[in-house]
Amino acid sequence: MAVNLLISKRKFSKEESRQWGALIKAIVADGTMLRLLSKYAERDAAAKMLTP
């Protein structure tokens, strides 16, 4: 599943960008992202948002 996060090169180092990427991957993998999206959309729609 593809989840993208844009990070400003001026504000974040490469290491900080890598850490944010790892965090996003982790919350997608453990279901947290689905739970968050489900607060604002129906669960089926939220699941489609996380499907490539």
PDB file of N, CA and C in Angstrom:
ATOM      1  N   MET A   1       0.834  -1.167   0.000  1.00  0.00           N
ATOM      2  CA  MET A   1       0.000   0.000   0.000  1.00  0.00           C
ATOM      3  C   MET A   1       0.883   1.235   0.000  1.00  0.00           C
ATOM      4  N   ALA A   2       0.478   2.211  -0.731  1.00  0.00           N
ATOM      5  CA  ALA A   2       1.279   3.425  -0.870  1.00  0.00           C
ATOM      6  C   ALA A   2       0.679   4.555  -0.041  1.00  0.00           C
ATOM      7  N   VAL A   3       1.482   5.071   0.841  1.00  0.00           N
ATOM      8  CA  VAL A   3       1.106   6.251   1.616  1.00  0.00           C
ATOM      9  C   VAL A   3       2.245   7.236   1.451  1.00  0.00           C
ATOM     10  N   ASN A   4       1.924   8.435   1.062  1.00  0.00           N
ATOM     11  CA  ASN A   4       2.962   9.428   0.790  1.00  0.00           C
ATOM     12  C   ASN A   4       2.916  10.557   1.801  1.00  0.00           C
ATOM     13  N   LEU A   5       4.079  11.081   2.092  1.00  0.00           N
ATOM     14  CA  LEU A   5       4.226  12.208   2.998  1.00  0.00           C
ATOM     15  C   LEU A   5       5.268  13.127   2.388  1.00  0.00           C
ATOM     16  N   LEU A   6       4.899  14.374   2.172  1.00  0.00           N
ATOM     17  CA  LEU A   6       5.846  15.348   1.634  1.00  0.00           C
ATOM     18  C   LEU A   6       6.521  16.063   2.784  1.00  0.00           C
ATOM     19  N   ILE A   7       7.851  16.129   2.737  1.00  0.00           N
ATOM     20  CA  ILE A   7       8.631  16.750   3.799  1.00  0.00           C
ATOM     21  C   ILE A   7       9.570  17.777   3.174  1.00  0.00           C
ATOM     22  N   SER A   8       9.571  18.968   3.732  1.00  0.00           N
ATOM     23  CA  SER A   8      10.415  20.045   3.235  1.00  0.00           C
ATOM     24  C   SER A   8      11.890  19.756   3.507  1.00  0.00           C
ATOM     25  N   LYS A   9      12.725  19.860   2.465  1.00  0.00           N
ATOM     26  CA  LYS A   9      14.166  19.660   2.629  1.00  0.00           C
ATOM     27  C   LYS A   9      14.764  20.742   3.522  1.00  0.00           C
ATOM     28  N   ARG A  10      14.145  21.906   3.548  1.00  0.00           N
ATOM     29  CA  ARG A  10      14.647  23.008   4.377  1.00  0.00           C
ATOM     30  C   ARG A  10      14.399  22.774   5.862  1.00  0.00           C
ATOM     31  N   LYS A  11      13.354  22.035   6.173  1.00  0.00           N
ATOM     32  CA  LYS A  11      12.961  21.853   7.576  1.00  0.00           C
ATOM     33  C   LYS A  11      13.410  20.525   8.175  1.00  0.00           C
ATOM     34  N   PHE A  12      13.612  19.516   7.320  1.00  0.00           N
ATOM     35  CA  PHE A  12      13.926  18.179   7.821  1.00  0.00           C
ATOM     36  C   PHE A  12      15.192  17.642   7.162  1.00  0.00           C
ATOM     37  N   SER A  13      16.041  17.012   7.956  1.00  0.00           N
ATOM     38  CA  SER A  13      17.232  16.360   7.420  1.00  0.00           C
ATOM     39  C   SER A  13      16.825  15.043   6.743  1.00  0.00           C
ATOM     40  N   LYS A  14      17.767  14.442   6.019  1.00  0.00           N
ATOM     41  CA  LYS A  14      17.486  13.144   5.403  1.00  0.00           C
ATOM     42  C   LYS A  14      17.134  12.104   6.464  1.00  0.00           C
ATOM     43  N   GLU A  15      17.825  12.152   7.592  1.00  0.00           N
ATOM     44  CA  GLU A  15      17.555  11.198   8.674  1.00  0.00           C
ATOM     45  C   GLU A  15      16.161  11.410   9.255  1.00  0.00           C
ATOM     46  N   GLU A  16      15.775  12.651   9.460  1.00  0.00           N
ATOM     47  CA  GLU A  16      14.430  12.937   9.979  1.00  0.00           C
ATOM     48  C   GLU A  16      13.363  12.490   8.976  1.00  0.00           C
ATOM     49  N   SER A  17      13.620  12.700   7.696  1.00  0.00           N
ATOM     50  CA  SER A  17      12.690  12.248   6.657  1.00  0.00           C
ATOM     51  C   SER A  17      12.555  10.731   6.683  1.00  0.00           C
ATOM     52  N   ARG A  18      13.686  10.043   6.852  1.00  0.00           N
ATOM     53  CA  ARG A  18      13.665   8.575   6.932  1.00  0.00           C
ATOM     54  C   ARG A  18      12.857   8.114   8.137  1.00  0.00           C
ATOM     55  N   GLN A  19      13.041   8.790   9.278  1.00  0.00           N
ATOM     56  CA  GLN A  19      12.312   8.439  10.495  1.00  0.00           C
ATOM     57  C   GLN A  19      10.804   8.643  10.317  1.00  0.00           C
ATOM     58  N   TRP A  20      10.420   9.749   9.679  1.00  0.00           N
ATOM     59  CA  TRP A  20       8.997   9.984   9.422  1.00  0.00           C
ATOM     60  C   TRP A  20       8.440   8.898   8.502  1.00  0.00           C
ATOM     61  N   GLY A  21       9.192   8.531   7.478  1.00  0.00           N
ATOM     62  CA  GLY A  21       8.757   7.470   6.570  1.00  0.00           C
ATOM     63  C   GLY A  21       8.545   6.155   7.299  1.00  0.00           C
ATOM     64  N   ALA A  22       9.466   5.833   8.196  1.00  0.00           N
ATOM     65  CA  ALA A  22       9.342   4.598   8.983  1.00  0.00           C
ATOM     66  C   ALA A  22       8.126   4.659   9.895  1.00  0.00           C
ATOM     67  N   LEU A  23       7.874   5.821  10.473  1.00  0.00           N
ATOM     68  CA  LEU A  23       6.701   5.982  11.343  1.00  0.00           C
ATOM     69  C   LEU A  23       5.410   5.782  10.556  1.00  0.00           C
ATOM     70  N   ILE A  24       5.320   6.388   9.384  1.00  0.00           N
ATOM     71  CA  ILE A  24       4.118   6.224   8.559  1.00  0.00           C
ATOM     72  C   ILE A  24       3.913   4.761   8.187  1.00  0.00           C
ATOM     73  N   LYS A  25       4.982   4.084   7.776  1.00  0.00           N
ATOM     74  CA  LYS A  25       4.878   2.653   7.444  1.00  0.00           C
ATOM     75  C   LYS A  25       4.394   1.849   8.642  1.00  0.00           C
ATOM     76  N   ALA A  26       4.885   2.188   9.835  1.00  0.00           N
ATOM     77  CA  ALA A  26       4.506   1.458  11.049  1.00  0.00           C
ATOM     78  C   ALA A  26       3.030   1.662  11.387  1.00  0.00           C
ATOM     79  N   ILE A  27       2.532   2.904  11.263  1.00  0.00           N
ATOM     80  CA  ILE A  27       1.123   3.119  11.631  1.00  0.00           C
ATOM     81  C   ILE A  27       0.169   2.561  10.580  1.00  0.00           C
ATOM     82  N   VAL A  28       0.641   2.427   9.349  1.00  0.00           N
ATOM     83  CA  VAL A  28      -0.171   1.734   8.346  1.00  0.00           C
ATOM     84  C   VAL A  28      -0.193   0.244   8.680  1.00  0.00           C
ATOM     85  N   ALA A  29       0.959  -0.320   8.995  1.00  0.00           N
ATOM     86  CA  ALA A  29       1.070  -1.756   9.270  1.00  0.00           C
ATOM     87  C   ALA A  29       0.294  -2.181  10.510  1.00  0.00           C
ATOM     88  N   ASP A  30       0.279  -1.328  11.546  1.00  0.00           N
ATOM     89  CA  ASP A  30      -0.403  -1.748  12.780  1.00  0.00           C
ATOM     90  C   ASP A  30      -1.880  -1.361  12.841  1.00  0.00           C
ATOM     91  N   GLY A  31      -2.391  -0.740  11.749  1.00  0.00           N
ATOM     92  CA  GLY A  31      -3.817  -0.427  11.688  1.00  0.00           C
ATOM     93  C   GLY A  31      -4.191   0.950  12.220  1.00  0.00           C
ATOM     94  N   THR A  32      -3.232   1.680  12.756  1.00  0.00           N
ATOM     95  CA  THR A  32      -3.529   3.004  13.304  1.00  0.00           C
ATOM     96  C   THR A  32      -4.022   3.955  12.215  1.00  0.00           C
ATOM     97  N   MET A  33      -3.396   3.912  11.035  1.00  0.00           N
ATOM     98  CA  MET A  33      -3.806   4.814   9.952  1.00  0.00           C
ATOM     99  C   MET A  33      -5.243   4.528   9.536  1.00  0.00           C
ATOM    100  N   LEU A  34      -5.616   3.262   9.445  1.00  0.00           N
ATOM    101  CA  LEU A  34      -6.997   2.896   9.094  1.00  0.00           C
ATOM    102  C   LEU A  34      -7.959   3.421  10.153  1.00  0.00           C
ATOM    103  N   ARG A  35      -7.597   3.285  11.404  1.00  0.00           N
ATOM    104  CA  ARG A  35      -8.450   3.777  12.496  1.00  0.00           C
ATOM    105  C   ARG A  35      -8.622   5.294  12.406  1.00  0.00           C
ATOM    106  N   LEU A  36      -7.529   6.005  12.136  1.00  0.00           N
ATOM    107  CA  LEU A  36      -7.609   7.461  12.010  1.00  0.00           C
ATOM    108  C   LEU A  36      -8.467   7.878  10.816  1.00  0.00           C
ATOM    109  N   LEU A  37      -8.242   7.262   9.667  1.00  0.00           N
ATOM    110  CA  LEU A  37      -9.024   7.595   8.482  1.00  0.00           C
ATOM    111  C   LEU A  37     -10.497   7.250   8.665  1.00  0.00           C
ATOM    112  N   SER A  38     -10.772   6.195   9.427  1.00  0.00           N
ATOM    113  CA  SER A  38     -12.152   5.764   9.660  1.00  0.00           C
ATOM    114  C   SER A  38     -12.936   6.760  10.502  1.00  0.00           C
ATOM    115  N   LYS A  39     -12.253   7.651  11.180  1.00  0.00           N
ATOM    116  CA  LYS A  39     -12.946   8.704  11.936  1.00  0.00           C
ATOM    117  C   LYS A  39     -13.592   9.709  10.990  1.00  0.00           C
ATOM    118  N   TYR A  40     -13.054   9.839   9.779  1.00  0.00           N
ATOM    119  CA  TYR A  40     -13.495  10.867   8.846  1.00  0.00           C
ATOM    120  C   TYR A  40     -14.168  10.315   7.591  1.00  0.00           C
ATOM    121  N   ALA A  41     -14.084   9.013   7.399  1.00  0.00           N
ATOM    122  CA  ALA A  41     -14.712   8.364   6.250  1.00  0.00           C
ATOM    123  C   ALA A  41     -15.216   7.003   6.701  1.00  0.00           C
ATOM    124  N   GLU A  42     -16.167   6.456   5.952  1.00  0.00           N
ATOM    125  CA  GLU A  42     -16.641   5.106   6.274  1.00  0.00           C
ATOM    126  C   GLU A  42     -15.464   4.137   6.150  1.00  0.00           C
ATOM    127  N   ARG A  43     -15.512   3.079   6.937  1.00  0.00           N
ATOM    128  CA  ARG A  43     -14.375   2.151   7.007  1.00  0.00           C
ATOM    129  C   ARG A  43     -13.977   1.599   5.638  1.00  0.00           C
ATOM    130  N   ASP A  44     -14.966   1.251   4.809  1.00  0.00           N
ATOM    131  CA  ASP A  44     -14.638   0.726   3.472  1.00  0.00           C
ATOM    132  C   ASP A  44     -13.902   1.770   2.641  1.00  0.00           C
ATOM    133  N   ALA A  45     -14.356   3.022   2.711  1.00  0.00           N
ATOM    134  CA  ALA A  45     -13.696   4.102   1.972  1.00  0.00           C
ATOM    135  C   ALA A  45     -12.291   4.331   2.513  1.00  0.00           C
ATOM    136  N   ALA A  46     -12.139   4.284   3.841  1.00  0.00           N
ATOM    137  CA  ALA A  46     -10.826   4.473   4.456  1.00  0.00           C
ATOM    138  C   ALA A  46      -9.876   3.360   4.019  1.00  0.00           C
ATOM    139  N   ALA A  47     -10.373   2.136   3.966  1.00  0.00           N
ATOM    140  CA  ALA A  47      -9.534   1.010   3.532  1.00  0.00           C
ATOM    141  C   ALA A  47      -9.092   1.184   2.085  1.00  0.00           C
ATOM    142  N   LYS A  48      -9.981   1.711   1.240  1.00  0.00           N
ATOM    143  CA  LYS A  48      -9.621   1.944  -0.171  1.00  0.00           C
ATOM    144  C   LYS A  48      -8.535   3.002  -0.278  1.00  0.00           C
ATOM    145  N   MET A  49      -8.516   3.963   0.649  1.00  0.00           N
ATOM    146  CA  MET A  49      -7.483   4.994   0.628  1.00  0.00           C
ATOM    147  C   MET A  49      -6.089   4.398   0.860  1.00  0.00           C
ATOM    148  N   LEU A  50      -6.047   3.256   1.513  1.00  0.00           N
ATOM    149  CA  LEU A  50      -4.781   2.610   1.821  1.00  0.00           C
ATOM    150  C   LEU A  50      -4.443   1.479   0.855  1.00  0.00           C
ATOM    151  N   THR A  51      -5.273   1.279  -0.159  1.00  0.00           N
ATOM    152  CA  THR A  51      -5.055   0.226  -1.143  1.00  0.00           C
ATOM    153  C   THR A  51      -4.389   0.838  -2.373  1.00  0.00           C
ATOM    154  N   PRO A  52      -3.282   0.242  -2.814  1.00  0.00           N
ATOM    155  CA  PRO A  52      -2.592   0.802  -4.004  1.00  0.00           C
ATOM    156  C   PRO A  52      -3.428   0.730  -5.256  1.00  0.00           C
TER     157      PRO A  52
END
